[in-house]
Amino acid sequence: MSFVEKVLPGARLFDAGRWFDAHEAWEEHWLAETDGTKRRLLQGLIQIAAALHKLHVVQSPLPAASLFAKGLAKLDACP
């Protein structure tokens, strides 16, 4: 399975506003991924999805902001 095929199901869930489900879909691949750059990308996506879940569902803006910042930093570090 290509990396895009691993990321796409989570991206569709994310776009549908199903952030927790996107987080779960990506986490499965993050746990198995051995390439450091791909792991960082997946972790950044996971953290952003978790941040949106915390903001919109749990309504915890401060933890959401912290996760969002961590996720963006990981994505910024990717080529």
PDB file of N, CA and C in Angstrom:
ATOM      1  N   MET A   1       0.849  -1.176   0.000  1.00  0.00           N
ATOM      2  CA  MET A   1       0.000   0.000   0.000  1.00  0.00           C
ATOM      3  C   MET A   1       0.895   1.241   0.000  1.00  0.00           C
ATOM      4  N   SER A   2       0.607   2.162  -0.902  1.00  0.00           N
ATOM      5  CA  SER A   2       1.407   3.388  -0.976  1.00  0.00           C
ATOM      6  C   SER A   2       1.086   4.305   0.211  1.00  0.00           C
ATOM      7  N   PHE A   3       1.967   5.256   0.433  1.00  0.00           N
ATOM      8  CA  PHE A   3       1.751   6.205   1.525  1.00  0.00           C
ATOM      9  C   PHE A   3       0.471   7.009   1.308  1.00  0.00           C
ATOM     10  N   VAL A   4       0.224   7.404   0.071  1.00  0.00           N
ATOM     11  CA  VAL A   4      -1.005   8.158  -0.245  1.00  0.00           C
ATOM     12  C   VAL A   4      -2.232   7.316   0.087  1.00  0.00           C
ATOM     13  N   GLU A   5      -2.186   6.033  -0.232  1.00  0.00           N
ATOM     14  CA  GLU A   5      -3.310   5.145   0.081  1.00  0.00           C
ATOM     15  C   GLU A   5      -3.515   5.007   1.587  1.00  0.00           C
ATOM     16  N   LYS A   6      -2.446   5.161   2.348  1.00  0.00           N
ATOM     17  CA  LYS A   6      -2.561   5.113   3.807  1.00  0.00           C
ATOM     18  C   LYS A   6      -3.167   6.394   4.365  1.00  0.00           C
ATOM     19  N   VAL A   7      -2.856   7.524   3.754  1.00  0.00           N
ATOM     20  CA  VAL A   7      -3.287   8.825   4.271  1.00  0.00           C
ATOM     21  C   VAL A   7      -4.695   9.199   3.810  1.00  0.00           C
ATOM     22  N   LEU A   8      -5.072   8.781   2.625  1.00  0.00           N
ATOM     23  CA  LEU A   8      -6.322   9.235   2.009  1.00  0.00           C
ATOM     24  C   LEU A   8      -7.590   8.939   2.813  1.00  0.00           C
ATOM     25  N   PRO A   9      -7.780   7.736   3.369  1.00  0.00           N
ATOM     26  CA  PRO A   9      -9.004   7.508   4.154  1.00  0.00           C
ATOM     27  C   PRO A   9      -9.143   8.485   5.332  1.00  0.00           C
ATOM     28  N   GLY A  10      -8.037   8.736   6.029  1.00  0.00           N
ATOM     29  CA  GLY A  10      -8.075   9.704   7.129  1.00  0.00           C
ATOM     30  C   GLY A  10      -8.361  11.106   6.640  1.00  0.00           C
ATOM     31  N   ALA A  11      -7.823  11.457   5.469  1.00  0.00           N
ATOM     32  CA  ALA A  11      -8.068  12.789   4.904  1.00  0.00           C
ATOM     33  C   ALA A  11      -9.547  12.973   4.577  1.00  0.00           C
ATOM     34  N   ARG A  12     -10.167  11.935   4.073  1.00  0.00           N
ATOM     35  CA  ARG A  12     -11.612  12.020   3.766  1.00  0.00           C
ATOM     36  C   ARG A  12     -12.433  12.194   5.043  1.00  0.00           C
ATOM     37  N   LEU A  13     -12.069  11.470   6.076  1.00  0.00           N
ATOM     38  CA  LEU A  13     -12.753  11.625   7.366  1.00  0.00           C
ATOM     39  C   LEU A  13     -12.533  13.025   7.916  1.00  0.00           C
ATOM     40  N   PHE A  14     -11.308  13.502   7.838  1.00  0.00           N
ATOM     41  CA  PHE A  14     -10.970  14.846   8.307  1.00  0.00           C
ATOM     42  C   PHE A  14     -11.812  15.889   7.579  1.00  0.00           C
ATOM     43  N   ASP A  15     -11.875  15.791   6.259  1.00  0.00           N
ATOM     44  CA  ASP A  15     -12.640  16.760   5.466  1.00  0.00           C
ATOM     45  C   ASP A  15     -14.131  16.725   5.782  1.00  0.00           C
ATOM     46  N   ALA A  16     -14.613  15.573   6.251  1.00  0.00           N
ATOM     47  CA  ALA A  16     -16.019  15.432   6.619  1.00  0.00           C
ATOM     48  C   ALA A  16     -16.284  15.901   8.051  1.00  0.00           C
ATOM     49  N   GLY A  17     -15.237  16.402   8.729  1.00  0.00           N
ATOM     50  CA  GLY A  17     -15.410  16.878  10.098  1.00  0.00           C
ATOM     51  C   GLY A  17     -15.407  15.758  11.128  1.00  0.00           C
ATOM     52  N   ARG A  18     -14.961  14.578  10.719  1.00  0.00           N
ATOM     53  CA  ARG A  18     -14.878  13.430  11.625  1.00  0.00           C
ATOM     54  C   ARG A  18     -13.431  13.313  12.117  1.00  0.00           C
ATOM     55  N   TRP A  19     -13.042  14.302  12.919  1.00  0.00           N
ATOM     56  CA  TRP A  19     -11.647  14.445  13.320  1.00  0.00           C
ATOM     57  C   TRP A  19     -11.148  13.292  14.185  1.00  0.00           C
ATOM     58  N   PHE A  20     -11.977  12.810  15.097  1.00  0.00           N
ATOM     59  CA  PHE A  20     -11.547  11.693  15.942  1.00  0.00           C
ATOM     60  C   PHE A  20     -11.307  10.452  15.082  1.00  0.00           C
ATOM     61  N   ASP A  21     -12.217  10.186  14.142  1.00  0.00           N
ATOM     62  CA  ASP A  21     -12.065   9.027  13.263  1.00  0.00           C
ATOM     63  C   ASP A  21     -10.836   9.172  12.365  1.00  0.00           C
ATOM     64  N   ALA A  22     -10.566  10.390  11.896  1.00  0.00           N
ATOM     65  CA  ALA A  22      -9.367  10.634  11.092  1.00  0.00           C
ATOM     66  C   ALA A  22      -8.118  10.345  11.929  1.00  0.00           C
ATOM     67  N   HIS A  23      -8.129  10.822  13.153  1.00  0.00           N
ATOM     68  CA  HIS A  23      -7.026  10.582  14.084  1.00  0.00           C
ATOM     69  C   HIS A  23      -6.773   9.085  14.219  1.00  0.00           C
ATOM     70  N   GLU A  24      -7.830   8.317  14.410  1.00  0.00           N
ATOM     71  CA  GLU A  24      -7.697   6.873  14.564  1.00  0.00           C
ATOM     72  C   GLU A  24      -7.173   6.211  13.292  1.00  0.00           C
ATOM     73  N   ALA A  25      -7.670   6.645  12.140  1.00  0.00           N
ATOM     74  CA  ALA A  25      -7.231   6.075  10.861  1.00  0.00           C
ATOM     75  C   ALA A  25      -5.741   6.317  10.642  1.00  0.00           C
ATOM     76  N   TRP A  26      -5.279   7.521  10.933  1.00  0.00           N
ATOM     77  CA  TRP A  26      -3.865   7.842  10.744  1.00  0.00           C
ATOM     78  C   TRP A  26      -2.987   7.175  11.798  1.00  0.00           C
ATOM     79  N   GLU A  27      -3.496   7.058  13.011  1.00  0.00           N
ATOM     80  CA  GLU A  27      -2.685   6.495  14.087  1.00  0.00           C
ATOM     81  C   GLU A  27      -2.298   5.050  13.789  1.00  0.00           C
ATOM     82  N   GLU A  28      -3.191   4.307  13.197  1.00  0.00           N
ATOM     83  CA  GLU A  28      -2.894   2.916  12.834  1.00  0.00           C
ATOM     84  C   GLU A  28      -1.642   2.846  11.950  1.00  0.00           C
ATOM     85  N   HIS A  29      -1.539   3.741  10.985  1.00  0.00           N
ATOM     86  CA  HIS A  29      -0.394   3.746  10.075  1.00  0.00           C
ATOM     87  C   HIS A  29       0.845   4.363  10.742  1.00  0.00           C
ATOM     88  N   TRP A  30       0.629   5.365  11.585  1.00  0.00           N
ATOM     89  CA  TRP A  30       1.742   5.990  12.302  1.00  0.00           C
ATOM     90  C   TRP A  30       2.474   4.953  13.162  1.00  0.00           C
ATOM     91  N   LEU A  31       1.706   4.098  13.829  1.00  0.00           N
ATOM     92  CA  LEU A  31       2.313   3.085  14.699  1.00  0.00           C
ATOM     93  C   LEU A  31       3.179   2.098  13.918  1.00  0.00           C
ATOM     94  N   ALA A  32       2.799   1.824  12.669  1.00  0.00           N
ATOM     95  CA  ALA A  32       3.522   0.841  11.860  1.00  0.00           C
ATOM     96  C   ALA A  32       4.612   1.464  10.981  1.00  0.00           C
ATOM     97  N   GLU A  33       4.572   2.770  10.786  1.00  0.00           N
ATOM     98  CA  GLU A  33       5.504   3.441   9.871  1.00  0.00           C
ATOM     99  C   GLU A  33       6.925   3.454  10.443  1.00  0.00           C
ATOM    100  N   THR A  34       7.897   3.166   9.588  1.00  0.00           N
ATOM    101  CA  THR A  34       9.290   3.157  10.025  1.00  0.00           C
ATOM    102  C   THR A  34      10.084   4.352   9.488  1.00  0.00           C
ATOM    103  N   ASP A  35       9.605   4.990   8.445  1.00  0.00           N
ATOM    104  CA  ASP A  35      10.284   6.157   7.878  1.00  0.00           C
ATOM    105  C   ASP A  35      10.025   7.367   8.773  1.00  0.00           C
ATOM    106  N   GLY A  36      11.098   8.013   9.232  1.00  0.00           N
ATOM    107  CA  GLY A  36      10.973   9.128  10.168  1.00  0.00           C
ATOM    108  C   GLY A  36      10.171  10.304   9.644  1.00  0.00           C
ATOM    109  N   THR A  37      10.369  10.665   8.386  1.00  0.00           N
ATOM    110  CA  THR A  37       9.642  11.805   7.808  1.00  0.00           C
ATOM    111  C   THR A  37       8.154  11.500   7.693  1.00  0.00           C
ATOM    112  N   LYS A  38       7.830  10.289   7.261  1.00  0.00           N
ATOM    113  CA  LYS A  38       6.415   9.907   7.137  1.00  0.00           C
ATOM    114  C   LYS A  38       5.753   9.820   8.511  1.00  0.00           C
ATOM    115  N   ARG A  39       6.501   9.323   9.486  1.00  0.00           N
ATOM    116  CA  ARG A  39       5.962   9.273  10.860  1.00  0.00           C
ATOM    117  C   ARG A  39       5.669  10.680  11.382  1.00  0.00           C
ATOM    118  N   ARG A  40       6.598  11.609  11.118  1.00  0.00           N
ATOM    119  CA  ARG A  40       6.407  12.993  11.568  1.00  0.00           C
ATOM    120  C   ARG A  40       5.184  13.605  10.896  1.00  0.00           C
ATOM    121  N   LEU A  41       5.017  13.373   9.599  1.00  0.00           N
ATOM    122  CA  LEU A  41       3.854  13.886   8.875  1.00  0.00           C
ATOM    123  C   LEU A  41       2.563  13.321   9.457  1.00  0.00           C
ATOM    124  N   LEU A  42       2.528  12.010   9.652  1.00  0.00           N
ATOM    125  CA  LEU A  42       1.331  11.390  10.228  1.00  0.00           C
ATOM    126  C   LEU A  42       1.056  11.912  11.635  1.00  0.00           C
ATOM    127  N   GLN A  43       2.099  12.071  12.434  1.00  0.00           N
ATOM    128  CA  GLN A  43       1.897  12.570  13.795  1.00  0.00           C
ATOM    129  C   GLN A  43       1.363  14.002  13.775  1.00  0.00           C
ATOM    130  N   GLY A  44       1.858  14.812  12.854  1.00  0.00           N
ATOM    131  CA  GLY A  44       1.342  16.173  12.731  1.00  0.00           C
ATOM    132  C   GLY A  44      -0.133  16.183  12.354  1.00  0.00           C
ATOM    133  N   LEU A  45      -0.507  15.331  11.413  1.00  0.00           N
ATOM    134  CA  LEU A  45      -1.920  15.231  11.015  1.00  0.00           C
ATOM    135  C   LEU A  45      -2.778  14.754  12.185  1.00  0.00           C
ATOM    136  N   ILE A  46      -2.277  13.770  12.910  1.00  0.00           N
ATOM    137  CA  ILE A  46      -2.991  13.239  14.075  1.00  0.00           C
ATOM    138  C   ILE A  46      -3.209  14.338  15.114  1.00  0.00           C
ATOM    139  N   GLN A  47      -2.177  15.120  15.374  1.00  0.00           N
ATOM    140  CA  GLN A  47      -2.295  16.177  16.382  1.00  0.00           C
ATOM    141  C   GLN A  47      -3.262  17.270  15.947  1.00  0.00           C
ATOM    142  N   ILE A  48      -3.275  17.603  14.678  1.00  0.00           N
ATOM    143  CA  ILE A  48      -4.215  18.623  14.201  1.00  0.00           C
ATOM    144  C   ILE A  48      -5.644  18.105  14.263  1.00  0.00           C
ATOM    145  N   ALA A  49      -5.839  16.845  13.887  1.00  0.00           N
ATOM    146  CA  ALA A  49      -7.180  16.259  13.991  1.00  0.00           C
ATOM    147  C   ALA A  49      -7.643  16.226  15.449  1.00  0.00           C
ATOM    148  N   ALA A  50      -6.744  15.843  16.345  1.00  0.00           N
ATOM    149  CA  ALA A  50      -7.092  15.820  17.771  1.00  0.00           C
ATOM    150  C   ALA A  50      -7.395  17.222  18.280  1.00  0.00           C
ATOM    151  N   ALA A  51      -6.652  18.208  17.797  1.00  0.00           N
ATOM    152  CA  ALA A  51      -6.896  19.599  18.206  1.00  0.00           C
ATOM    153  C   ALA A  51      -8.291  20.050  17.785  1.00  0.00           C
ATOM    154  N   LEU A  52      -8.679  19.747  16.564  1.00  0.00           N
ATOM    155  CA  LEU A  52     -10.008  20.147  16.099  1.00  0.00           C
ATOM    156  C   LEU A  52     -11.105  19.413  16.866  1.00  0.00           C
ATOM    157  N   HIS A  53     -10.872  18.157  17.202  1.00  0.00           N
ATOM    158  CA  HIS A  53     -11.834  17.406  18.018  1.00  0.00           C
ATOM    159  C   HIS A  53     -11.967  18.061  19.395  1.00  0.00           C
ATOM    160  N   LYS A  54     -10.832  18.399  20.009  1.00  0.00           N
ATOM    161  CA  LYS A  54     -10.879  19.046  21.325  1.00  0.00           C
ATOM    162  C   LYS A  54     -11.566  20.410  21.266  1.00  0.00           C
ATOM    163  N   LEU A  55     -11.339  21.140  20.197  1.00  0.00           N
ATOM    164  CA  LEU A  55     -11.929  22.474  20.073  1.00  0.00           C
ATOM    165  C   LEU A  55     -13.435  22.400  19.838  1.00  0.00           C
ATOM    166  N   HIS A  56     -13.851  21.597  18.876  1.00  0.00           N
ATOM    167  CA  HIS A  56     -15.256  21.610  18.452  1.00  0.00           C
ATOM    168  C   HIS A  56     -16.152  20.633  19.203  1.00  0.00           C
ATOM    169  N   VAL A  57     -15.620  19.512  19.649  1.00  0.00           N
ATOM    170  CA  VAL A  57     -16.444  18.495  20.312  1.00  0.00           C
ATOM    171  C   VAL A  57     -16.318  18.593  21.823  1.00  0.00           C
ATOM    172  N   VAL A  58     -15.088  18.612  22.310  1.00  0.00           N
ATOM    173  CA  VAL A  58     -14.842  18.651  23.749  1.00  0.00           C
ATOM    174  C   VAL A  58     -14.942  20.083  24.282  1.00  0.00           C
ATOM    175  N   GLN A  59     -14.746  21.033  23.395  1.00  0.00           N
ATOM    176  CA  GLN A  59     -14.776  22.466  23.725  1.00  0.00           C
ATOM    177  C   GLN A  59     -13.712  22.831  24.772  1.00  0.00           C
ATOM    178  N   SER A  60     -12.499  22.416  24.473  1.00  0.00           N
ATOM    179  CA  SER A  60     -11.338  22.724  25.301  1.00  0.00           C
ATOM    180  C   SER A  60     -10.335  23.500  24.458  1.00  0.00           C
ATOM    181  N   PRO A  61     -10.499  24.832  24.388  1.00  0.00           N
ATOM    182  CA  PRO A  61      -9.661  25.609  23.469  1.00  0.00           C
ATOM    183  C   PRO A  61      -8.174  25.645  23.812  1.00  0.00           C
ATOM    184  N   LEU A  62      -7.792  25.662  25.073  1.00  0.00           N
ATOM    185  CA  LEU A  62      -6.368  25.742  25.403  1.00  0.00           C
ATOM    186  C   LEU A  62      -5.618  24.468  25.031  1.00  0.00           C
ATOM    187  N   PRO A  63      -6.122  23.275  25.408  1.00  0.00           N
ATOM    188  CA  PRO A  63      -5.443  22.061  24.943  1.00  0.00           C
ATOM    189  C   PRO A  63      -5.463  21.943  23.412  1.00  0.00           C
ATOM    190  N   ALA A  64      -6.537  22.401  22.800  1.00  0.00           N
ATOM    191  CA  ALA A  64      -6.623  22.364  21.336  1.00  0.00           C
ATOM    192  C   ALA A  64      -5.548  23.233  20.713  1.00  0.00           C
ATOM    193  N   ALA A  65      -5.340  24.417  21.247  1.00  0.00           N
ATOM    194  CA  ALA A  65      -4.327  25.326  20.711  1.00  0.00           C
ATOM    195  C   ALA A  65      -2.930  24.723  20.838  1.00  0.00           C
ATOM    196  N   SER A  66      -2.669  24.076  21.965  1.00  0.00           N
ATOM    197  CA  SER A  66      -1.366  23.450  22.179  1.00  0.00           C
ATOM    198  C   SER A  66      -1.131  22.323  21.162  1.00  0.00           C
ATOM    199  N   LEU A  67      -2.122  21.459  20.978  1.00  0.00           N
ATOM    200  CA  LEU A  67      -2.002  20.370  20.009  1.00  0.00           C
ATOM    201  C   LEU A  67      -1.862  20.898  18.586  1.00  0.00           C
ATOM    202  N   PHE A  68      -2.624  21.929  18.269  1.00  0.00           N
ATOM    203  CA  PHE A  68      -2.566  22.511  16.931  1.00  0.00           C
ATOM    204  C   PHE A  68      -1.155  23.046  16.648  1.00  0.00           C
ATOM    205  N   ALA A  69      -0.574  23.743  17.599  1.00  0.00           N
ATOM    206  CA  ALA A  69       0.779  24.268  17.438  1.00  0.00           C
ATOM    207  C   ALA A  69       1.808  23.147  17.251  1.00  0.00           C
ATOM    208  N   LYS A  70       1.681  22.088  18.040  1.00  0.00           N
ATOM    209  CA  LYS A  70       2.608  20.952  17.914  1.00  0.00           C
ATOM    210  C   LYS A  70       2.457  20.280  16.547  1.00  0.00           C
ATOM    211  N   GLY A  71       1.204  20.119  16.110  1.00  0.00           N
ATOM    212  CA  GLY A  71       0.963  19.497  14.817  1.00  0.00           C
ATOM    213  C   GLY A  71       1.502  20.316  13.672  1.00  0.00           C
ATOM    214  N   LEU A  72       1.286  21.620  13.719  1.00  0.00           N
ATOM    215  CA  LEU A  72       1.810  22.490  12.663  1.00  0.00           C
ATOM    216  C   LEU A  72       3.327  22.487  12.627  1.00  0.00           C
ATOM    217  N   ALA A  73       3.963  22.444  13.785  1.00  0.00           N
ATOM    218  CA  ALA A  73       5.421  22.404  13.835  1.00  0.00           C
ATOM    219  C   ALA A  73       5.944  21.132  13.167  1.00  0.00           C
ATOM    220  N   LYS A  74       5.257  20.015  13.388  1.00  0.00           N
ATOM    221  CA  LYS A  74       5.679  18.768  12.757  1.00  0.00           C
ATOM    222  C   LYS A  74       5.491  18.842  11.238  1.00  0.00           C
ATOM    223  N   LEU A  75       4.373  19.389  10.788  1.00  0.00           N
ATOM    224  CA  LEU A  75       4.145  19.508   9.354  1.00  0.00           C
ATOM    225  C   LEU A  75       5.149  20.473   8.716  1.00  0.00           C
ATOM    226  N   ASP A  76       5.455  21.556   9.416  1.00  0.00           N
ATOM    227  CA  ASP A  76       6.449  22.515   8.907  1.00  0.00           C
ATOM    228  C   ASP A  76       7.822  21.881   8.735  1.00  0.00           C
ATOM    229  N   ALA A  77       8.118  20.875   9.565  1.00  0.00           N
ATOM    230  CA  ALA A  77       9.418  20.218   9.502  1.00  0.00           C
ATOM    231  C   ALA A  77       9.519  19.196   8.362  1.00  0.00           C
ATOM    232  N   CYS A  78       8.395  18.926   7.716  1.00  0.00           N
ATOM    233  CA  CYS A  78       8.396  17.946   6.607  1.00  0.00           C
ATOM    234  C   CYS A  78       8.781  18.638   5.292  1.00  0.00           C
ATOM    235  N   PRO A  79       9.478  17.880   4.426  1.00  0.00           N
ATOM    236  CA  PRO A  79       9.868  18.469   3.141  1.00  0.00           C
ATOM    237  C   PRO A  79       8.670  18.701   2.218  1.00  0.00           C
TER     238      PRO A  79
END
